[in-house]
Protein backbone atom coordinates (compact mmCIF):
# COMPACT_ATOMS: atom_id res chain seq x y z
CA GLY A 1 10.19 -8.69 -24.05
CA GLN A 2 7.96 -7.61 -25.99
CA ARG A 3 8.12 -4.16 -27.90
CA MET A 4 4.78 -2.07 -26.96
CA ASP A 5 2.87 0.35 -29.49
CA GLY A 6 2.59 4.19 -29.35
CA GLU A 7 -1.20 3.83 -27.49
CA THR A 8 0.01 1.24 -25.13
CA LYS A 9 3.43 3.07 -23.96
CA GLN A 10 1.59 6.13 -23.35
CA ARG A 11 -1.35 3.98 -21.42
CA HIS A 12 1.21 2.42 -19.73
CA TRP A 13 3.11 5.67 -18.77
CA ALA A 14 0.08 7.62 -17.74
CA ARG A 15 -1.00 4.67 -15.17
CA THR A 16 2.80 4.28 -13.88
CA ARG A 17 2.66 8.27 -13.63
CA SER A 18 -0.82 8.27 -12.27
CA LEU A 19 0.40 5.57 -9.43
CA THR A 20 3.36 7.25 -8.50
CA PHE A 21 1.50 10.94 -7.40
CA LYS A 22 -0.69 8.49 -5.47
CA VAL A 23 1.85 6.96 -3.64
CA LEU A 24 3.84 10.54 -3.18
CA ALA A 25 0.46 11.90 -1.99
CA VAL A 26 0.54 9.06 0.59
CA TRP A 27 4.01 9.34 1.07
CA PHE A 28 3.68 13.32 1.93
CA ILE A 29 0.39 12.79 4.25
CA PHE A 30 2.86 10.71 6.53
CA SER A 31 6.10 12.52 6.25
CA ILE A 32 4.96 15.96 6.60
CA ILE A 33 1.31 16.46 7.82
CA VAL A 34 1.08 13.99 10.29
CA PRO A 35 4.03 14.80 11.93
CA TRP A 36 3.55 18.54 11.84
CA ASN A 37 0.29 18.12 13.37
CA ALA A 38 1.82 15.81 16.25
CA LYS A 39 1.01 18.59 18.71
CA ALA A 40 -2.42 18.26 18.77
CA LEU A 41 -2.41 14.59 19.20
CA MET A 42 0.20 14.46 22.57
CA GLY A 43 -3.02 14.56 25.19
CA ILE A 44 -4.23 10.90 23.78
CA SER A 45 -2.13 7.69 24.78
CA PHE A 46 -1.72 4.43 22.52
CA LEU A 47 0.06 1.42 24.30
CA GLY A 48 1.96 3.79 26.80
CA PHE A 49 2.98 6.37 24.34
CA PRO A 50 1.63 9.80 23.51
CA LEU A 51 -0.19 9.61 20.14
CA GLY A 52 1.85 12.67 18.86
CA TYR A 53 4.84 10.52 19.31
CA TYR A 54 3.25 7.33 18.07
CA PHE A 55 2.36 8.32 14.60
CA PRO A 56 4.93 9.78 13.24
CA VAL A 57 7.51 7.61 14.80
CA GLN A 58 5.64 4.18 14.39
CA GLY A 59 2.79 4.79 12.52
CA SER A 60 4.59 6.35 9.16
CA LEU A 61 7.31 3.50 9.01
CA ILE A 62 4.60 0.48 8.95
CA ILE A 63 2.73 2.98 6.25
CA PHE A 64 6.26 3.98 4.29
CA VAL A 65 6.94 -0.31 4.26
CA ALA A 66 3.11 -0.78 3.06
CA LEU A 67 3.87 1.59 0.34
CA ILE A 68 6.39 0.13 -1.00
CA PHE A 69 4.72 -3.32 -0.98
CA TYR A 70 1.40 -1.61 -2.76
CA GLN A 71 3.27 0.30 -5.26
CA ASN A 72 5.45 -2.89 -6.69
CA TYR A 73 2.08 -5.01 -6.40
CA GLN A 74 0.50 -2.60 -8.54
CA GLN A 75 3.25 -1.78 -10.89
CA ASP A 76 3.57 -5.21 -11.67
CA LYS A 77 -0.13 -5.59 -12.67
CA ILE A 78 0.21 -2.54 -15.09
CA ASP A 79 3.60 -3.63 -16.56
CA ASP A 80 1.51 -7.11 -16.94
CA ASP A 81 -1.32 -5.72 -18.58
CA ALA A 82 0.97 -4.18 -20.71
CA GLY A 83 2.45 -6.65 -21.97
CA VAL A 84 5.94 -5.34 -20.45
C-alpha cells in the first residue's frame, strides 16, 4: 500500500474513531438499554412473542449482524478515501 502523509493519517484516524463511536453507541443501546427496558414491552405481542422478549433476543442479533456489515462497508470507504 501507499504511505499516508500526516494530515491524511490524522483524517483517516478521526473518521475511523468517529465510526467506531457510532457503532459502539448503537451496540450499547441494543445490548444494554433495550434489554433493561424489556419489562415495559412485555404487554405487547409480536409474532406470538412478547415484545420484551422478542426485541432483546431476535432484534438485537439482527442489529449486531447489520452493524458488522455497516462498519465493514464504511471502513472500506474510509480506507479507500485515504488511499489505504
